[in-house]
Structures are given as C-alpha cells and as structure tokens.
C-alpha cells in the first residue's frame, strides 16, 4: 500500500506557480475590465471607447488589444461575469420564497434589483444584444447560462409540493416567465419604472402564466 502510494505520488505532475509574466498579464486584464465596467456604466456602450478605457486603466490601447479583440469582446467578458453572479442571485432568491407565486416573484425581483443599480450597464446590454454584429454572441451568452432553468426548477418544485397540477407545461411556462423577465427590463431602462412598478407588473404576469396550472 505504501509502495503503491509512493509510485502514484512520483507519477503526479507538480503544479507550477504562475510565472511573473502570466501574473502581470492577468493583472493587466483585470485593470482593463474594471476600467471598462466603470466607463460602460457611466457612458453606455457607444459612449465608452477603447481609447477612453485604456486611459482609465492607465495603459496604451495596444495593451488593451493584447487582452481583448475589440470593444464587443471586452463587453461580453463583463456581461459574462455579471450573468454568472445574477444567476446565483436569482436562484438563491427562489429558495427564500413560500408558495410558487411568492418564489417566482422573488426570482424576478432579484433580477430587477440586481440591474437597477447598474441601469446604464443594462441599457448597454440591450443595445448590444440587438446589434447586428455583436448581438448574436451576447444573446447566446445569456442563453447558455440557463436562466430559464431557474423558473423550471420553481415550477417543478411546486408540482412536487402539490401546488400545481402534474401537467403544468413546465417548459412552456418557464419560457413565458423568461420572456416576461426580459421584456420588463425595457420598462425600467427606457421608461424609468421603479422596482415597485416592476413588482406590480410581475405579479400580474405570474398570475396569468400560472392560470390553469394550479391544482384544483
């Protein structure tokens, strides 16, 4: 036993510490991302230029292009980080609800509250999402995170608890909830809706989406 463990240990490849060059590259990338996030949040997507981002990060535009292909690539990286965090926030909110209506409302409101403090960034995301060049990649990024699964999980749990019928068309209803979630952002972004207004709209949408699915 001791001998075989020693053999396995000898065969393992030791992990190498990052080189100083790799660490410097990582630090440069983080500085660019932080500067870009601030500028996108303040100036929007169109208003923030690579030149401005480089200046805010205290480096040349060449250093920015060494880490990112272009502005859309940089923006996708920022949104990727945001979407990972948002998914956790929404899924956690769903566990804090009671009945299905309350759980779904908490999921939706967690998403709205997350971006209410980042409204300029949300506006930039909507702008890019429907851009001919950068739109498909950004929309694919959002779809790949599985946000619709958060709604599916809530509906499935409600079936298991006996709140909803055994055939509530989970896939279709979760897609409808996801569509409502995204559509309501336009009200917040372009019409300045408050969280209270979004909550009132979300309650009505949940009621309609669940119509006919409740047991009994």
C-alpha atoms as a PDB file:
ATOM      1  CA  UNK A   1       0.000   0.000   0.000  1.00  0.00           C
ATOM      2  CA  UNK A   2       2.761   2.436   0.978  1.00  0.00           C
ATOM      3  CA  UNK A   3       4.775   1.499  -2.094  1.00  0.00           C
ATOM      4  CA  UNK A   4       1.850   1.992  -4.495  1.00  0.00           C
ATOM      5  CA  UNK A   5       1.050   5.355  -2.914  1.00  0.00           C
ATOM      6  CA  UNK A   6       4.651   6.378  -3.381  1.00  0.00           C
ATOM      7  CA  UNK A   7       4.515   5.350  -7.043  1.00  0.00           C
ATOM      8  CA  UNK A   8       1.355   7.394  -7.630  1.00  0.00           C
ATOM      9  CA  UNK A   9       2.924  10.336  -5.882  1.00  0.00           C
ATOM     10  CA  UNK A  10       6.002  10.132  -8.089  1.00  0.00           C
ATOM     11  CA  UNK A  11       3.836   9.982 -11.203  1.00  0.00           C
ATOM     12  CA  UNK A  12       1.867  13.103 -10.370  1.00  0.00           C
ATOM     13  CA  UNK A  13       2.799  16.276 -12.218  1.00  0.00           C
ATOM     14  CA  UNK A  14       3.538  19.014  -9.689  1.00  0.00           C
ATOM     15  CA  UNK A  15       1.533  22.198 -10.124  1.00  0.00           C
ATOM     16  CA  UNK A  16       3.662  25.083 -11.232  1.00  0.00           C
ATOM     17  CA  UNK A  17       3.201  28.522  -9.806  1.00  0.00           C
ATOM     18  CA  UNK A  18       2.205  31.178 -12.376  1.00  0.00           C
ATOM     19  CA  UNK A  19       5.135  32.971 -13.911  1.00  0.00           C
ATOM     20  CA  UNK A  20       5.628  36.672 -13.274  1.00  0.00           C
ATOM     21  CA  UNK A  21       4.661  37.305 -16.897  1.00  0.00           C
ATOM     22  CA  UNK A  22       1.411  35.380 -16.505  1.00  0.00           C
ATOM     23  CA  UNK A  23       0.601  37.245 -13.297  1.00  0.00           C
ATOM     24  CA  UNK A  24       1.301  40.595 -14.958  1.00  0.00           C
ATOM     25  CA  UNK A  25      -0.937  39.655 -17.898  1.00  0.00           C
ATOM     26  CA  UNK A  26      -3.741  38.660 -15.550  1.00  0.00           C
ATOM     27  CA  UNK A  27      -3.409  41.895 -13.617  1.00  0.00           C
ATOM     28  CA  UNK A  28      -3.489  43.933 -16.813  1.00  0.00           C
ATOM     29  CA  UNK A  29      -6.634  42.109 -17.905  1.00  0.00           C
ATOM     30  CA  UNK A  30      -8.353  42.831 -14.583  1.00  0.00           C
ATOM     31  CA  UNK A  31      -7.405  46.507 -14.738  1.00  0.00           C
ATOM     32  CA  UNK A  32      -8.871  46.788 -18.226  1.00  0.00           C
ATOM     33  CA  UNK A  33     -12.069  45.015 -17.160  1.00  0.00           C
ATOM     34  CA  UNK A  34     -12.526  47.253 -14.125  1.00  0.00           C
ATOM     35  CA  UNK A  35     -11.937  50.426 -16.150  1.00  0.00           C
ATOM     36  CA  UNK A  36     -14.275  49.227 -18.898  1.00  0.00           C
ATOM     37  CA  UNK A  37     -17.039  48.290 -16.449  1.00  0.00           C
ATOM     38  CA  UNK A  38     -16.907  51.764 -14.895  1.00  0.00           C
ATOM     39  CA  UNK A  39     -16.997  53.503 -18.276  1.00  0.00           C
ATOM     40  CA  UNK A  40     -19.771  51.315 -19.694  1.00  0.00           C
ATOM     41  CA  UNK A  41     -21.767  52.028 -16.529  1.00  0.00           C
ATOM     42  CA  UNK A  42     -21.187  55.779 -16.835  1.00  0.00           C
ATOM     43  CA  UNK A  43     -21.153  56.362 -20.595  1.00  0.00           C
ATOM     44  CA  UNK A  44     -23.038  53.401 -22.034  1.00  0.00           C
ATOM     45  CA  UNK A  45     -21.707  51.094 -24.728  1.00  0.00           C
ATOM     46  CA  UNK A  46     -21.424  53.635 -27.527  1.00  0.00           C
ATOM     47  CA  UNK A  47     -20.011  56.363 -25.296  1.00  0.00           C
ATOM     48  CA  UNK A  48     -17.107  54.290 -23.976  1.00  0.00           C
ATOM     49  CA  UNK A  49     -14.226  53.989 -26.449  1.00  0.00           C
ATOM     50  CA  UNK A  50     -11.188  51.741 -26.329  1.00  0.00           C
ATOM     51  CA  UNK A  51      -9.048  54.876 -26.055  1.00  0.00           C
ATOM     52  CA  UNK A  52     -11.029  56.030 -23.002  1.00  0.00           C
ATOM     53  CA  UNK A  53     -10.868  52.574 -21.436  1.00  0.00           C
ATOM     54  CA  UNK A  54      -7.118  52.397 -21.944  1.00  0.00           C
ATOM     55  CA  UNK A  55      -6.648  55.844 -20.414  1.00  0.00           C
ATOM     56  CA  UNK A  56      -8.797  54.938 -17.407  1.00  0.00           C
ATOM     57  CA  UNK A  57      -6.760  51.763 -16.914  1.00  0.00           C
ATOM     58  CA  UNK A  58      -3.509  53.743 -17.206  1.00  0.00           C
ATOM     59  CA  UNK A  59      -2.196  51.891 -20.246  1.00  0.00           C
ATOM     60  CA  UNK A  60      -1.957  52.082 -24.022  1.00  0.00           C
ATOM     61  CA  UNK A  61      -4.656  50.968 -26.435  1.00  0.00           C
ATOM     62  CA  UNK A  62      -2.193  48.321 -27.630  1.00  0.00           C
ATOM     63  CA  UNK A  63      -2.188  46.809 -24.149  1.00  0.00           C
ATOM     64  CA  UNK A  64      -5.980  46.610 -24.254  1.00  0.00           C
ATOM     65  CA  UNK A  65      -5.947  44.902 -27.647  1.00  0.00           C
ATOM     66  CA  UNK A  66      -3.363  42.449 -26.337  1.00  0.00           C
ATOM     67  CA  UNK A  67      -6.048  41.120 -23.969  1.00  0.00           C
ATOM     68  CA  UNK A  68      -9.243  41.670 -25.972  1.00  0.00           C
ATOM     69  CA  UNK A  69     -10.016  41.564 -29.691  1.00  0.00           C
ATOM     70  CA  UNK A  70     -12.287  44.599 -29.658  1.00  0.00           C
ATOM     71  CA  UNK A  71     -14.809  46.515 -27.562  1.00  0.00           C
ATOM     72  CA  UNK A  72     -17.560  43.936 -28.043  1.00  0.00           C
ATOM     73  CA  UNK A  73     -15.235  41.180 -26.827  1.00  0.00           C
ATOM     74  CA  UNK A  74     -14.464  43.260 -23.746  1.00  0.00           C
ATOM     75  CA  UNK A  75     -18.144  43.945 -23.106  1.00  0.00           C
ATOM     76  CA  UNK A  76     -19.048  40.256 -23.421  1.00  0.00           C
ATOM     77  CA  UNK A  77     -16.445  39.411 -20.788  1.00  0.00           C
ATOM     78  CA  UNK A  78     -18.009  41.907 -18.380  1.00  0.00           C
ATOM     79  CA  UNK A  79     -21.508  40.616 -19.072  1.00  0.00           C
ATOM     80  CA  UNK A  80     -20.332  37.036 -18.656  1.00  0.00           C
ATOM     81  CA  UNK A  81     -19.180  37.796 -15.119  1.00  0.00           C
ATOM     82  CA  UNK A  82     -22.424  39.652 -14.395  1.00  0.00           C
ATOM     83  CA  UNK A  83     -24.595  36.823 -15.707  1.00  0.00           C
ATOM     84  CA  UNK A  84     -22.802  34.253 -13.560  1.00  0.00           C
ATOM     85  CA  UNK A  85     -23.436  36.393 -10.486  1.00  0.00           C
ATOM     86  CA  UNK A  86     -27.021  37.179 -11.489  1.00  0.00           C
ATOM     87  CA  UNK A  87     -27.867  33.501 -11.927  1.00  0.00           C
ATOM     88  CA  UNK A  88     -26.703  32.756  -8.388  1.00  0.00           C
ATOM     89  CA  UNK A  89     -28.635  35.746  -7.029  1.00  0.00           C
ATOM     90  CA  UNK A  90     -31.884  34.699  -8.738  1.00  0.00           C
ATOM     91  CA  UNK A  91     -31.572  31.029  -7.819  1.00  0.00           C
ATOM     92  CA  UNK A  92     -30.870  31.912  -4.183  1.00  0.00           C
ATOM     93  CA  UNK A  93     -33.870  34.260  -4.097  1.00  0.00           C
ATOM     94  CA  UNK A  94     -36.110  31.442  -5.274  1.00  0.00           C
ATOM     95  CA  UNK A  95     -35.191  29.331  -2.253  1.00  0.00           C
ATOM     96  CA  UNK A  96     -36.399  32.068   0.087  1.00  0.00           C
ATOM     97  CA  UNK A  97     -39.962  32.130  -1.167  1.00  0.00           C
ATOM     98  CA  UNK A  98     -43.034  30.340   0.114  1.00  0.00           C
ATOM     99  CA  UNK A  99     -45.672  29.262  -2.386  1.00  0.00           C
ATOM    100  CA  UNK A 100     -44.958  29.276  -6.098  1.00  0.00           C
ATOM    101  CA  UNK A 101     -46.250  32.812  -6.726  1.00  0.00           C
ATOM    102  CA  UNK A 102     -44.017  34.204  -3.992  1.00  0.00           C
ATOM    103  CA  UNK A 103     -40.984  32.201  -5.130  1.00  0.00           C
ATOM    104  CA  UNK A 104     -41.328  33.310  -8.747  1.00  0.00           C
ATOM    105  CA  UNK A 105     -41.814  36.915  -7.703  1.00  0.00           C
ATOM    106  CA  UNK A 106     -38.665  36.789  -5.590  1.00  0.00           C
ATOM    107  CA  UNK A 107     -36.718  35.359  -8.542  1.00  0.00           C
ATOM    108  CA  UNK A 108     -37.892  38.123 -10.867  1.00  0.00           C
ATOM    109  CA  UNK A 109     -37.374  40.926  -8.373  1.00  0.00           C
ATOM    110  CA  UNK A 110     -33.877  39.725  -7.502  1.00  0.00           C
ATOM    111  CA  UNK A 111     -33.006  40.099 -11.173  1.00  0.00           C
ATOM    112  CA  UNK A 112     -34.504  43.582 -11.416  1.00  0.00           C
ATOM    113  CA  UNK A 113     -32.853  44.777  -8.205  1.00  0.00           C
ATOM    114  CA  UNK A 114     -29.502  43.475  -9.422  1.00  0.00           C
ATOM    115  CA  UNK A 115     -29.585  45.675 -12.511  1.00  0.00           C
ATOM    116  CA  UNK A 116     -31.478  48.603 -11.035  1.00  0.00           C
ATOM    117  CA  UNK A 117     -28.155  49.725  -9.579  1.00  0.00           C
ATOM    118  CA  UNK A 118     -26.483  49.042 -12.917  1.00  0.00           C
ATOM    119  CA  UNK A 119     -29.065  50.599 -15.195  1.00  0.00           C
ATOM    120  CA  UNK A 120     -26.616  52.161 -17.630  1.00  0.00           C
ATOM    121  CA  UNK A 121     -24.904  48.804 -17.988  1.00  0.00           C
ATOM    122  CA  UNK A 122     -28.285  47.129 -18.552  1.00  0.00           C
ATOM    123  CA  UNK A 123     -29.071  49.736 -21.196  1.00  0.00           C
ATOM    124  CA  UNK A 124     -25.758  48.999 -22.870  1.00  0.00           C
ATOM    125  CA  UNK A 125     -26.510  45.272 -22.814  1.00  0.00           C
ATOM    126  CA  UNK A 126     -29.865  45.809 -24.526  1.00  0.00           C
ATOM    127  CA  UNK A 127     -28.178  47.988 -27.129  1.00  0.00           C
ATOM    128  CA  UNK A 128     -25.539  45.392 -27.907  1.00  0.00           C
ATOM    129  CA  UNK A 129     -27.983  42.460 -27.757  1.00  0.00           C
ATOM    130  CA  UNK A 130     -29.800  43.746 -30.840  1.00  0.00           C
ATOM    131  CA  UNK A 131     -26.724  44.905 -32.710  1.00  0.00           C
ATOM    132  CA  UNK A 132     -26.168  43.066 -35.998  1.00  0.00           C
ATOM    133  CA  UNK A 133     -22.526  42.303 -35.250  1.00  0.00           C
ATOM    134  CA  UNK A 134     -22.304  41.756 -31.504  1.00  0.00           C
ATOM    135  CA  UNK A 135     -25.896  40.778 -30.779  1.00  0.00           C
ATOM    136  CA  UNK A 136     -25.902  37.052 -31.604  1.00  0.00           C
ATOM    137  CA  UNK A 137     -22.857  36.333 -29.456  1.00  0.00           C
ATOM    138  CA  UNK A 138     -24.237  38.236 -26.475  1.00  0.00           C
ATOM    139  CA  UNK A 139     -27.671  36.605 -26.737  1.00  0.00           C
ATOM    140  CA  UNK A 140     -26.035  33.179 -26.992  1.00  0.00           C
ATOM    141  CA  UNK A 141     -24.027  34.010 -23.880  1.00  0.00           C
ATOM    142  CA  UNK A 142     -27.196  34.753 -21.923  1.00  0.00           C
ATOM    143  CA  UNK A 143     -28.957  31.629 -23.193  1.00  0.00           C
ATOM    144  CA  UNK A 144     -26.009  29.423 -22.278  1.00  0.00           C
ATOM    145  CA  UNK A 145     -26.299  30.370 -18.602  1.00  0.00           C
ATOM    146  CA  UNK A 146     -29.619  28.557 -18.210  1.00  0.00           C
ATOM    147  CA  UNK A 147     -31.714  31.321 -16.674  1.00  0.00           C
ATOM    148  CA  UNK A 148     -34.863  29.615 -17.866  1.00  0.00           C
ATOM    149  CA  UNK A 149     -33.882  26.631 -15.709  1.00  0.00           C
ATOM    150  CA  UNK A 150     -34.377  28.781 -12.601  1.00  0.00           C
ATOM    151  CA  UNK A 151     -38.054  29.163 -13.493  1.00  0.00           C
ATOM    152  CA  UNK A 152     -38.350  25.488 -14.459  1.00  0.00           C
ATOM    153  CA  UNK A 153     -36.939  24.454 -11.094  1.00  0.00           C
ATOM    154  CA  UNK A 154     -39.509  26.556  -9.253  1.00  0.00           C
ATOM    155  CA  UNK A 155     -42.406  25.174 -11.288  1.00  0.00           C
ATOM    156  CA  UNK A 156     -41.203  21.590 -10.902  1.00  0.00           C
ATOM    157  CA  UNK A 157     -40.873  22.023  -7.131  1.00  0.00           C
ATOM    158  CA  UNK A 158     -44.424  23.394  -6.999  1.00  0.00           C
ATOM    159  CA  UNK A 159     -45.673  20.262  -8.790  1.00  0.00           C
ATOM    160  CA  UNK A 160     -43.832  18.074  -6.291  1.00  0.00           C
ATOM    161  CA  UNK A 161     -45.390  20.029  -3.395  1.00  0.00           C
ATOM    162  CA  UNK A 162     -48.835  19.584  -4.896  1.00  0.00           C
ATOM    163  CA  UNK A 163     -49.385  23.282  -5.640  1.00  0.00           C
ATOM    164  CA  UNK A 164     -49.547  22.784  -9.399  1.00  0.00           C
ATOM    165  CA  UNK A 165     -51.084  20.039 -11.497  1.00  0.00           C
ATOM    166  CA  UNK A 166     -48.991  17.139 -12.721  1.00  0.00           C
ATOM    167  CA  UNK A 167     -49.004  18.525 -16.262  1.00  0.00           C
ATOM    168  CA  UNK A 168     -48.339  22.245 -15.901  1.00  0.00           C
ATOM    169  CA  UNK A 169     -46.385  22.505 -19.192  1.00  0.00           C
ATOM    170  CA  UNK A 170     -43.245  23.476 -17.293  1.00  0.00           C
ATOM    171  CA  UNK A 171     -41.119  24.123 -20.368  1.00  0.00           C
ATOM    172  CA  UNK A 172     -43.612  26.490 -21.990  1.00  0.00           C
ATOM    173  CA  UNK A 173     -44.481  28.347 -18.800  1.00  0.00           C
ATOM    174  CA  UNK A 174     -40.830  28.783 -17.821  1.00  0.00           C
ATOM    175  CA  UNK A 175     -40.137  30.208 -21.283  1.00  0.00           C
ATOM    176  CA  UNK A 176     -43.063  32.609 -20.864  1.00  0.00           C
ATOM    177  CA  UNK A 177     -41.702  33.723 -17.489  1.00  0.00           C
ATOM    178  CA  UNK A 178     -38.274  34.263 -19.022  1.00  0.00           C
ATOM    179  CA  UNK A 179     -39.833  36.326 -21.805  1.00  0.00           C
ATOM    180  CA  UNK A 180     -41.655  38.443 -19.209  1.00  0.00           C
ATOM    181  CA  UNK A 181     -38.451  38.904 -17.229  1.00  0.00           C
ATOM    182  CA  UNK A 182     -36.595  40.260 -20.247  1.00  0.00           C
ATOM    183  CA  UNK A 183     -39.494  42.338 -21.578  1.00  0.00           C
ATOM    184  CA  UNK A 184     -39.922  44.197 -18.301  1.00  0.00           C
ATOM    185  CA  UNK A 185     -36.360  45.486 -18.495  1.00  0.00           C
ATOM    186  CA  UNK A 186     -37.383  47.763 -21.340  1.00  0.00           C
ATOM    187  CA  UNK A 187     -39.845  49.477 -18.987  1.00  0.00           C
ATOM    188  CA  UNK A 188     -37.108  50.060 -16.410  1.00  0.00           C
ATOM    189  CA  UNK A 189     -34.483  51.122 -18.940  1.00  0.00           C
ATOM    190  CA  UNK A 190     -36.476  53.329 -21.264  1.00  0.00           C
ATOM    191  CA  UNK A 191     -39.410  54.469 -19.117  1.00  0.00           C
ATOM    192  CA  UNK A 192     -37.745  54.635 -15.710  1.00  0.00           C
ATOM    193  CA  UNK A 193     -40.076  52.220 -13.941  1.00  0.00           C
ATOM    194  CA  UNK A 194     -39.380  51.808 -10.220  1.00  0.00           C
ATOM    195  CA  UNK A 195     -38.944  48.448  -8.506  1.00  0.00           C
ATOM    196  CA  UNK A 196     -42.473  48.818  -7.107  1.00  0.00           C
ATOM    197  CA  UNK A 197     -43.896  49.265 -10.603  1.00  0.00           C
ATOM    198  CA  UNK A 198     -41.917  46.284 -11.871  1.00  0.00           C
ATOM    199  CA  UNK A 199     -43.177  44.196  -8.965  1.00  0.00           C
ATOM    200  CA  UNK A 200     -46.799  45.055  -9.709  1.00  0.00           C
ATOM    201  CA  UNK A 201     -46.319  44.098 -13.361  1.00  0.00           C
ATOM    202  CA  UNK A 202     -44.510  40.887 -12.418  1.00  0.00           C
ATOM    203  CA  UNK A 203     -47.312  39.828 -10.056  1.00  0.00           C
ATOM    204  CA  UNK A 204     -49.885  40.171 -12.837  1.00  0.00           C
ATOM    205  CA  UNK A 205     -47.670  38.265 -15.269  1.00  0.00           C
ATOM    206  CA  UNK A 206     -47.122  35.410 -12.820  1.00  0.00           C
ATOM    207  CA  UNK A 207     -50.873  35.182 -12.175  1.00  0.00           C
ATOM    208  CA  UNK A 208     -51.606  34.922 -15.885  1.00  0.00           C
ATOM    209  CA  UNK A 209     -48.766  32.480 -16.650  1.00  0.00           C
ATOM    210  CA  UNK A 210     -49.920  30.160 -13.850  1.00  0.00           C
ATOM    211  CA  UNK A 211     -53.592  30.350 -14.850  1.00  0.00           C
ATOM    212  CA  UNK A 212     -54.905  26.832 -15.369  1.00  0.00           C
ATOM    213  CA  UNK A 213     -51.846  25.198 -13.796  1.00  0.00           C
ATOM    214  CA  UNK A 214     -52.945  25.326 -10.157  1.00  0.00           C
ATOM    215  CA  UNK A 215     -54.198  22.092  -8.677  1.00  0.00           C
ATOM    216  CA  UNK A 216     -57.957  22.005  -8.330  1.00  0.00           C
END
